[in-house]
C-alpha atoms as a PDB file:
ATOM      1  CA  UNK A   1      10.627   1.847  -2.621  1.00  0.00           C
ATOM      2  CA  UNK A   2       7.151   1.091  -1.285  1.00  0.00           C
ATOM      3  CA  UNK A   3       5.873   3.319   1.527  1.00  0.00           C
ATOM      4  CA  UNK A   4       4.077   0.889   3.807  1.00  0.00           C
ATOM      5  CA  UNK A   5       2.455   0.894   7.229  1.00  0.00           C
ATOM      6  CA  UNK A   6       3.308  -1.666   9.870  1.00  0.00           C
ATOM      7  CA  UNK A   7      -0.372  -2.612  10.208  1.00  0.00           C
ATOM      8  CA  UNK A   8      -3.889  -1.341   9.570  1.00  0.00           C
ATOM      9  CA  UNK A   9      -5.603   0.525  12.433  1.00  0.00           C
ATOM     10  CA  UNK A  10      -8.902  -1.079  11.428  1.00  0.00           C
ATOM     11  CA  UNK A  11      -9.958  -4.125   9.424  1.00  0.00           C
ATOM     12  CA  UNK A  12     -12.886  -2.864   7.372  1.00  0.00           C
ATOM     13  CA  UNK A  13     -13.844  -6.285   6.049  1.00  0.00           C
ATOM     14  CA  UNK A  14     -14.124  -7.683   9.604  1.00  0.00           C
ATOM     15  CA  UNK A  15     -16.077  -4.828  11.211  1.00  0.00           C
ATOM     16  CA  UNK A  16     -19.853  -4.914  10.555  1.00  0.00           C
ATOM     17  CA  UNK A  17     -20.107  -1.209  11.399  1.00  0.00           C
ATOM     18  CA  UNK A  18     -17.849  -0.371   8.466  1.00  0.00           C
ATOM     19  CA  UNK A  19     -18.970  -2.980   5.936  1.00  0.00           C
ATOM     20  CA  UNK A  20     -22.586  -1.798   5.910  1.00  0.00           C
ATOM     21  CA  UNK A  21     -22.648   1.068   3.382  1.00  0.00           C
ATOM     22  CA  UNK A  22     -22.101   3.910   3.867  1.00  0.00           C
ATOM     23  CA  UNK A  23     -20.593   2.670   7.150  1.00  0.00           C
ATOM     24  CA  UNK A  24     -20.465   6.010   8.959  1.00  0.00           C
ATOM     25  CA  UNK A  25     -19.230   6.365  12.554  1.00  0.00           C
ATOM     26  CA  UNK A  26     -18.713   9.374  14.862  1.00  0.00           C
ATOM     27  CA  UNK A  27     -15.175  10.779  14.869  1.00  0.00           C
ATOM     28  CA  UNK A  28     -13.444  12.501  17.771  1.00  0.00           C
ATOM     29  CA  UNK A  29     -12.684  16.063  16.545  1.00  0.00           C
ATOM     30  CA  UNK A  30      -9.223  15.729  18.114  1.00  0.00           C
ATOM     31  CA  UNK A  31      -8.596  12.672  15.913  1.00  0.00           C
ATOM     32  CA  UNK A  32      -9.421  14.347  12.596  1.00  0.00           C
ATOM     33  CA  UNK A  33      -5.776  14.454  11.476  1.00  0.00           C
ATOM     34  CA  UNK A  34      -3.193  11.789  12.261  1.00  0.00           C
ATOM     35  CA  UNK A  35       0.588  11.463  12.223  1.00  0.00           C
ATOM     36  CA  UNK A  36       1.675   7.822  12.024  1.00  0.00           C
ATOM     37  CA  UNK A  37       4.738   5.685  11.323  1.00  0.00           C
ATOM     38  CA  UNK A  38       4.531   6.363   7.569  1.00  0.00           C
ATOM     39  CA  UNK A  39       4.580  10.155   8.000  1.00  0.00           C
ATOM     40  CA  UNK A  40       8.144  10.773   6.799  1.00  0.00           C
ATOM     41  CA  UNK A  41       7.829   8.517   3.764  1.00  0.00           C
ATOM     42  CA  UNK A  42       4.406   9.771   2.757  1.00  0.00           C
ATOM     43  CA  UNK A  43       5.397  13.417   3.177  1.00  0.00           C
ATOM     44  CA  UNK A  44       8.486  12.987   1.009  1.00  0.00           C
ATOM     45  CA  UNK A  45       6.236  11.574  -1.710  1.00  0.00           C
ATOM     46  CA  UNK A  46       3.728  14.393  -1.278  1.00  0.00           C
ATOM     47  CA  UNK A  47       6.481  17.001  -1.582  1.00  0.00           C
ATOM     48  CA  UNK A  48       7.743  15.318  -4.750  1.00  0.00           C
ATOM     49  CA  UNK A  49       4.284  15.278  -6.325  1.00  0.00           C
ATOM     50  CA  UNK A  50       3.432  18.855  -5.370  1.00  0.00           C
ATOM     51  CA  UNK A  51       6.722  20.078  -6.844  1.00  0.00           C
ATOM     52  CA  UNK A  52       6.512  17.979  -9.991  1.00  0.00           C
ATOM     53  CA  UNK A  53       2.762  17.642 -10.692  1.00  0.00           C
ATOM     54  CA  UNK A  54       1.112  20.689  -9.066  1.00  0.00           C
ATOM     55  CA  UNK A  55      -1.703  20.884 -11.602  1.00  0.00           C
ATOM     56  CA  UNK A  56      -2.548  17.207 -11.114  1.00  0.00           C
ATOM     57  CA  UNK A  57      -2.586  17.096  -7.311  1.00  0.00           C
ATOM     58  CA  UNK A  58      -4.045  20.506  -6.420  1.00  0.00           C
ATOM     59  CA  UNK A  59      -6.975  22.377  -7.900  1.00  0.00           C
ATOM     60  CA  UNK A  60      -9.613  24.934  -6.989  1.00  0.00           C
ATOM     61  CA  UNK A  61     -12.635  26.521  -8.618  1.00  0.00           C
ATOM     62  CA  UNK A  62     -13.118  30.301  -8.533  1.00  0.00           C
ATOM     63  CA  UNK A  63     -15.081  31.197  -5.411  1.00  0.00           C
ATOM     64  CA  UNK A  64     -13.635  28.419  -3.254  1.00  0.00           C
ATOM     65  CA  UNK A  65     -11.065  30.736  -1.641  1.00  0.00           C
ATOM     66  CA  UNK A  66     -13.013  31.413   1.602  1.00  0.00           C
ATOM     67  CA  UNK A  67     -13.500  27.702   2.264  1.00  0.00           C
ATOM     68  CA  UNK A  68      -9.858  26.931   1.470  1.00  0.00           C
ATOM     69  CA  UNK A  69      -8.709  29.680   3.843  1.00  0.00           C
ATOM     70  CA  UNK A  70     -10.973  28.356   6.606  1.00  0.00           C
ATOM     71  CA  UNK A  71      -9.672  24.840   5.975  1.00  0.00           C
ATOM     72  CA  UNK A  72      -6.118  26.104   6.443  1.00  0.00           C
ATOM     73  CA  UNK A  73      -7.089  27.652   9.780  1.00  0.00           C
ATOM     74  CA  UNK A  74      -8.632  24.363  10.918  1.00  0.00           C
ATOM     75  CA  UNK A  75      -5.573  22.334   9.918  1.00  0.00           C
ATOM     76  CA  UNK A  76      -3.083  24.689  11.548  1.00  0.00           C
ATOM     77  CA  UNK A  77      -5.103  24.756  14.768  1.00  0.00           C
ATOM     78  CA  UNK A  78      -4.515  20.997  15.084  1.00  0.00           C
ATOM     79  CA  UNK A  79      -0.786  20.969  14.330  1.00  0.00           C
ATOM     80  CA  UNK A  80       0.663  21.692  17.812  1.00  0.00           C
ATOM     81  CA  UNK A  81      -1.093  18.625  19.203  1.00  0.00           C
ATOM     82  CA  UNK A  82       0.437  16.454  16.480  1.00  0.00           C
ATOM     83  CA  UNK A  83       4.084  17.264  17.159  1.00  0.00           C
ATOM     84  CA  UNK A  84       4.483  20.382  15.012  1.00  0.00           C
ATOM     85  CA  UNK A  85       6.158  23.550  16.311  1.00  0.00           C
ATOM     86  CA  UNK A  86       6.184  27.145  15.108  1.00  0.00           C
ATOM     87  CA  UNK A  87       9.564  28.549  14.084  1.00  0.00           C
ATOM     88  CA  UNK A  88       9.194  32.107  12.874  1.00  0.00           C
ATOM     89  CA  UNK A  89       6.974  32.134   9.794  1.00  0.00           C
ATOM     90  CA  UNK A  90       7.080  28.360   9.329  1.00  0.00           C
ATOM     91  CA  UNK A  91       6.041  25.045  10.826  1.00  0.00           C
ATOM     92  CA  UNK A  92       8.643  22.541  11.974  1.00  0.00           C
ATOM     93  CA  UNK A  93       7.162  19.156  11.037  1.00  0.00           C
ATOM     94  CA  UNK A  94       7.529  15.877  12.959  1.00  0.00           C
ATOM     95  CA  UNK A  95      10.028  14.645  10.342  1.00  0.00           C
ATOM     96  CA  UNK A  96      12.203  17.750  10.763  1.00  0.00           C
ATOM     97  CA  UNK A  97      11.172  19.622   7.619  1.00  0.00           C
ATOM     98  CA  UNK A  98      10.298  23.316   7.690  1.00  0.00           C
ATOM     99  CA  UNK A  99       7.175  24.334   5.761  1.00  0.00           C
ATOM    100  CA  UNK A 100       7.039  28.100   5.341  1.00  0.00           C
ATOM    101  CA  UNK A 101       3.900  30.198   5.457  1.00  0.00           C
ATOM    102  CA  UNK A 102       2.733  31.755   2.215  1.00  0.00           C
ATOM    103  CA  UNK A 103       2.439  30.403  -1.288  1.00  0.00           C
ATOM    104  CA  UNK A 104      -0.480  28.371  -2.652  1.00  0.00           C
ATOM    105  CA  UNK A 105      -2.583  27.312   0.326  1.00  0.00           C
ATOM    106  CA  UNK A 106      -3.510  23.826  -0.867  1.00  0.00           C
ATOM    107  CA  UNK A 107       0.082  22.994  -1.779  1.00  0.00           C
ATOM    108  CA  UNK A 108       1.222  24.133   1.669  1.00  0.00           C
ATOM    109  CA  UNK A 109      -1.402  22.019   3.445  1.00  0.00           C
ATOM    110  CA  UNK A 110      -0.400  19.059   1.321  1.00  0.00           C
ATOM    111  CA  UNK A 111       3.146  19.331   2.644  1.00  0.00           C
ATOM    112  CA  UNK A 112       2.065  19.530   6.286  1.00  0.00           C
ATOM    113  CA  UNK A 113      -0.342  16.628   6.793  1.00  0.00           C
ATOM    114  CA  UNK A 114      -0.717  13.102   5.459  1.00  0.00           C
ATOM    115  CA  UNK A 115      -4.402  13.557   4.680  1.00  0.00           C
ATOM    116  CA  UNK A 116      -5.662  14.479   1.254  1.00  0.00           C
ATOM    117  CA  UNK A 117      -8.205  17.270   1.733  1.00  0.00           C
ATOM    118  CA  UNK A 118     -11.247  17.809  -0.490  1.00  0.00           C
ATOM    119  CA  UNK A 119     -13.486  20.861  -0.108  1.00  0.00           C
ATOM    120  CA  UNK A 120     -17.144  20.032  -0.743  1.00  0.00           C
ATOM    121  CA  UNK A 121     -19.629  22.911  -0.990  1.00  0.00           C
ATOM    122  CA  UNK A 122     -23.394  22.881  -1.472  1.00  0.00           C
ATOM    123  CA  UNK A 123     -24.254  23.183  -5.150  1.00  0.00           C
ATOM    124  CA  UNK A 124     -27.280  24.594  -6.979  1.00  0.00           C
ATOM    125  CA  UNK A 125     -28.692  21.158  -7.855  1.00  0.00           C
ATOM    126  CA  UNK A 126     -28.849  19.872  -4.283  1.00  0.00           C
ATOM    127  CA  UNK A 127     -25.574  17.945  -4.392  1.00  0.00           C
ATOM    128  CA  UNK A 128     -22.324  18.889  -2.693  1.00  0.00           C
ATOM    129  CA  UNK A 129     -19.699  19.834  -5.285  1.00  0.00           C
ATOM    130  CA  UNK A 130     -15.940  19.294  -5.165  1.00  0.00           C
ATOM    131  CA  UNK A 131     -14.676  22.889  -5.348  1.00  0.00           C
ATOM    132  CA  UNK A 132     -11.042  22.501  -4.247  1.00  0.00           C
ATOM    133  CA  UNK A 133      -8.610  19.805  -3.150  1.00  0.00           C
ATOM    134  CA  UNK A 134      -5.099  18.647  -2.550  1.00  0.00           C
ATOM    135  CA  UNK A 135      -5.116  15.022  -3.720  1.00  0.00           C
ATOM    136  CA  UNK A 136      -1.680  13.411  -3.756  1.00  0.00           C
ATOM    137  CA  UNK A 137      -2.769   9.815  -3.178  1.00  0.00           C
ATOM    138  CA  UNK A 138      -5.763   9.120  -5.444  1.00  0.00           C
ATOM    139  CA  UNK A 139      -7.008   5.531  -5.425  1.00  0.00           C
ATOM    140  CA  UNK A 140      -7.809   5.186  -9.130  1.00  0.00           C
ATOM    141  CA  UNK A 141      -9.363   8.596  -9.813  1.00  0.00           C
ATOM    142  CA  UNK A 142      -8.116  12.007 -10.893  1.00  0.00           C
ATOM    143  CA  UNK A 143      -8.704  15.462  -9.479  1.00  0.00           C
ATOM    144  CA  UNK A 144      -8.733  16.982 -12.954  1.00  0.00           C
ATOM    145  CA  UNK A 145     -11.651  14.737 -13.943  1.00  0.00           C
ATOM    146  CA  UNK A 146     -13.694  15.159 -10.739  1.00  0.00           C
ATOM    147  CA  UNK A 147     -13.162  18.842  -9.826  1.00  0.00           C
ATOM    148  CA  UNK A 148     -16.432  20.745 -10.187  1.00  0.00           C
ATOM    149  CA  UNK A 149     -18.626  17.636 -10.076  1.00  0.00           C
ATOM    150  CA  UNK A 150     -21.359  16.849  -7.590  1.00  0.00           C
ATOM    151  CA  UNK A 151     -21.362  13.677  -5.502  1.00  0.00           C
ATOM    152  CA  UNK A 152     -23.018  11.445  -8.158  1.00  0.00           C
ATOM    153  CA  UNK A 153     -20.499  12.523 -10.795  1.00  0.00           C
ATOM    154  CA  UNK A 154     -17.570  12.095  -8.443  1.00  0.00           C
ATOM    155  CA  UNK A 155     -18.528   8.484  -7.729  1.00  0.00           C
ATOM    156  CA  UNK A 156     -19.099   7.516 -11.365  1.00  0.00           C
ATOM    157  CA  UNK A 157     -18.544   4.688 -12.389  1.00  0.00           C
ATOM    158  CA  UNK A 158     -18.712   3.008  -8.921  1.00  0.00           C
ATOM    159  CA  UNK A 159     -21.238   0.193  -9.432  1.00  0.00           C
ATOM    160  CA  UNK A 160     -22.698   0.179  -5.889  1.00  0.00           C
ATOM    161  CA  UNK A 161     -23.301   3.937  -5.945  1.00  0.00           C
ATOM    162  CA  UNK A 162     -26.909   3.718  -7.109  1.00  0.00           C
ATOM    163  CA  UNK A 163     -29.642   6.317  -6.592  1.00  0.00           C
ATOM    164  CA  UNK A 164     -30.491   4.974  -3.149  1.00  0.00           C
ATOM    165  CA  UNK A 165     -26.924   5.126  -1.864  1.00  0.00           C
ATOM    166  CA  UNK A 166     -26.403   8.519  -3.523  1.00  0.00           C
ATOM    167  CA  UNK A 167     -29.391   9.918  -1.629  1.00  0.00           C
ATOM    168  CA  UNK A 168     -28.107   8.513   1.673  1.00  0.00           C
ATOM    169  CA  UNK A 169     -24.636   9.978   1.126  1.00  0.00           C
ATOM    170  CA  UNK A 170     -26.075  13.384   0.250  1.00  0.00           C
ATOM    171  CA  UNK A 171     -28.161  13.319   3.432  1.00  0.00           C
ATOM    172  CA  UNK A 172     -24.966  12.655   5.389  1.00  0.00           C
ATOM    173  CA  UNK A 173     -23.274  15.680   3.844  1.00  0.00           C
ATOM    174  CA  UNK A 174     -26.335  17.781   4.643  1.00  0.00           C
ATOM    175  CA  UNK A 175     -26.547  16.512   8.222  1.00  0.00           C
ATOM    176  CA  UNK A 176     -22.918  16.601   9.406  1.00  0.00           C
ATOM    177  CA  UNK A 177     -22.677  19.187  12.181  1.00  0.00           C
ATOM    178  CA  UNK A 178     -19.960  21.594  13.205  1.00  0.00           C
ATOM    179  CA  UNK A 179     -17.876  19.984  15.942  1.00  0.00           C
ATOM    180  CA  UNK A 180     -19.319  16.514  15.279  1.00  0.00           C
ATOM    181  CA  UNK A 181     -17.284  15.015  12.427  1.00  0.00           C
ATOM    182  CA  UNK A 182     -17.891  11.557  10.992  1.00  0.00           C
ATOM    183  CA  UNK A 183     -15.697   8.907   9.447  1.00  0.00           C
ATOM    184  CA  UNK A 184     -15.832   5.758   7.374  1.00  0.00           C
ATOM    185  CA  UNK A 185     -13.257   3.500   5.748  1.00  0.00           C
ATOM    186  CA  UNK A 186     -12.823   1.445   2.611  1.00  0.00           C
ATOM    187  CA  UNK A 187     -10.492  -1.346   1.588  1.00  0.00           C
ATOM    188  CA  UNK A 188      -9.052  -2.302  -1.804  1.00  0.00           C
ATOM    189  CA  UNK A 189      -6.530  -4.853  -3.037  1.00  0.00           C
ATOM    190  CA  UNK A 190      -3.758  -3.594  -5.314  1.00  0.00           C
ATOM    191  CA  UNK A 191      -0.907  -5.128  -7.270  1.00  0.00           C
ATOM    192  CA  UNK A 192       1.106  -1.900  -6.994  1.00  0.00           C
ATOM    193  CA  UNK A 193       1.713  -0.289  -3.568  1.00  0.00           C
ATOM    194  CA  UNK A 194       2.345   3.170  -5.054  1.00  0.00           C
ATOM    195  CA  UNK A 195       0.392   5.876  -3.255  1.00  0.00           C
ATOM    196  CA  UNK A 196      -0.086   8.025  -6.365  1.00  0.00           C
ATOM    197  CA  UNK A 197      -2.404   5.999  -8.599  1.00  0.00           C
ATOM    198  CA  UNK A 198      -4.467   8.340 -10.791  1.00  0.00           C
ATOM    199  CA  UNK A 199      -6.779   6.683 -13.294  1.00  0.00           C
ATOM    200  CA  UNK A 200      -9.490   8.010 -15.546  1.00  0.00           C
ATOM    201  CA  UNK A 201     -12.995   6.575 -15.358  1.00  0.00           C
ATOM    202  CA  UNK A 202     -12.315   4.462 -18.449  1.00  0.00           C
ATOM    203  CA  UNK A 203      -9.105   2.932 -17.078  1.00  0.00           C
ATOM    204  CA  UNK A 204      -9.745   0.063 -14.673  1.00  0.00           C
ATOM    205  CA  UNK A 205      -7.045  -0.998 -12.214  1.00  0.00           C
ATOM    206  CA  UNK A 206      -5.400  -4.412 -12.233  1.00  0.00           C
ATOM    207  CA  UNK A 207      -6.418  -6.632  -9.336  1.00  0.00           C
ATOM    208  CA  UNK A 208      -4.088  -9.211  -7.785  1.00  0.00           C
ATOM    209  CA  UNK A 209      -4.791 -12.915  -8.024  1.00  0.00           C
ATOM    210  CA  UNK A 210      -4.842 -14.743  -4.697  1.00  0.00           C
ATOM    211  CA  UNK A 211      -3.288 -13.735  -1.362  1.00  0.00           C
ATOM    212  CA  UNK A 212      -0.506 -11.513  -2.657  1.00  0.00           C
ATOM    213  CA  UNK A 213      -0.056  -7.873  -3.446  1.00  0.00           C
ATOM    214  CA  UNK A 214      -1.094  -5.066  -1.135  1.00  0.00           C
ATOM    215  CA  UNK A 215      -4.087  -3.844   0.813  1.00  0.00           C
ATOM    216  CA  UNK A 216      -4.963  -0.179   0.568  1.00  0.00           C
ATOM    217  CA  UNK A 217      -7.397   1.261   3.091  1.00  0.00           C
ATOM    218  CA  UNK A 218      -8.601   4.844   3.435  1.00  0.00           C
ATOM    219  CA  UNK A 219      -9.846   6.503   6.607  1.00  0.00           C
ATOM    220  CA  UNK A 220     -12.285   9.064   5.222  1.00  0.00           C
ATOM    221  CA  UNK A 221     -13.480  11.949   7.387  1.00  0.00           C
ATOM    222  CA  UNK A 222     -16.375  14.390   7.022  1.00  0.00           C
ATOM    223  CA  UNK A 223     -16.003  17.664   8.931  1.00  0.00           C
ATOM    224  CA  UNK A 224     -18.082  20.823   8.547  1.00  0.00           C
ATOM    225  CA  UNK A 225     -16.403  24.224   8.736  1.00  0.00           C
ATOM    226  CA  UNK A 226     -18.359  26.728  10.860  1.00  0.00           C
ATOM    227  CA  UNK A 227     -18.104  29.920   8.754  1.00  0.00           C
ATOM    228  CA  UNK A 228     -18.385  28.766   5.156  1.00  0.00           C
ATOM    229  CA  UNK A 229     -20.331  25.585   6.021  1.00  0.00           C
ATOM    230  CA  UNK A 230     -18.149  23.665   3.568  1.00  0.00           C
ATOM    231  CA  UNK A 231     -17.701  19.969   4.318  1.00  0.00           C
ATOM    232  CA  UNK A 232     -14.107  18.747   4.297  1.00  0.00           C
ATOM    233  CA  UNK A 233     -13.662  15.215   3.002  1.00  0.00           C
ATOM    234  CA  UNK A 234     -10.313  14.017   4.341  1.00  0.00           C
ATOM    235  CA  UNK A 235      -8.496  10.868   3.244  1.00  0.00           C
ATOM    236  CA  UNK A 236      -5.738   9.199   5.262  1.00  0.00           C
ATOM    237  CA  UNK A 237      -4.258   6.380   3.193  1.00  0.00           C
ATOM    238  CA  UNK A 238      -2.828   3.178   4.654  1.00  0.00           C
ATOM    239  CA  UNK A 239      -1.002   0.544   2.594  1.00  0.00           C
ATOM    240  CA  UNK A 240       0.205  -2.806   3.944  1.00  0.00           C
ATOM    241  CA  UNK A 241       1.550  -5.952   2.343  1.00  0.00           C
ATOM    242  CA  UNK A 242      -1.225  -8.518   2.154  1.00  0.00           C
ATOM    243  CA  UNK A 243       1.148 -11.166   3.486  1.00  0.00           C
ATOM    244  CA  UNK A 244       1.040  -9.321   6.835  1.00  0.00           C
ATOM    245  CA  UNK A 245      -2.524 -10.525   7.445  1.00  0.00           C
ATOM    246  CA  UNK A 246      -3.165 -13.335   9.883  1.00  0.00           C
ATOM    247  CA  UNK A 247      -4.756 -16.516   8.550  1.00  0.00           C
ATOM    248  CA  UNK A 248      -8.109 -15.431   9.974  1.00  0.00           C
ATOM    249  CA  UNK A 249      -7.847 -11.957   8.432  1.00  0.00           C
ATOM    250  CA  UNK A 250      -6.828 -13.362   5.052  1.00  0.00           C
ATOM    251  CA  UNK A 251      -9.725 -15.826   5.017  1.00  0.00           C
ATOM    252  CA  UNK A 252     -12.202 -13.058   5.798  1.00  0.00           C
ATOM    253  CA  UNK A 253     -10.611 -10.739   3.223  1.00  0.00           C
ATOM    254  CA  UNK A 254     -10.772 -13.378   0.488  1.00  0.00           C
ATOM    255  CA  UNK A 255     -14.427 -14.088   1.306  1.00  0.00           C
ATOM    256  CA  UNK A 256     -15.552 -10.446   1.475  1.00  0.00           C
ATOM    257  CA  UNK A 257     -18.279  -9.261  -0.940  1.00  0.00           C
ATOM    258  CA  UNK A 258     -16.822  -7.597  -4.036  1.00  0.00           C
END
């Protein structure tokens, strides 16, 4: 059964601040992680994937352990304000599940929060490198293929990610400050509402014809960790049925630049 949201919290294609690449806005540090109406459904899917496909949805390079540990501290510091409660050596989640301490850190984080979490660390060639991640809801990419790559390699083969945009994105990663996170959003149309949609670079996704199918939008955050200086790229995925759009929203969506 499709795991859908009631609505989108933003309409990327109708907001000039978000349509102008890279479309970066300031983010309230208290709003880095979110729990929404799809929490229970999304977390059940995340638990299924982490149990059944651990090597596909989590990964880490040697040396990324300090950043991953600091990420875990940052996530757990936010949990009480999101409806989580400590019970012994475990967290009681908003959907009633207990997630115990211990075990692989990335897998544990992936069962606590809806966000996919990617650890980006400065690399020797001047680009931030994906050194670790929990990625349960990829939108047509795979962690296995991208782990260890710098920003240009991660975005291959995105057509709009030319040298100019690559330089601007790298400057953003260099400039993001501790305590001053940033966010942007994207929007895609999909035939299939499934959250787990891994695809290799050579495998293009099917696009729906006309006003049907589903809209998938990601709220992407950039937050710098104070000790390791790693940048955390977070992804909160929203999926709605395209038929939920108003006539005005549908007209603007159909006319958006591709």
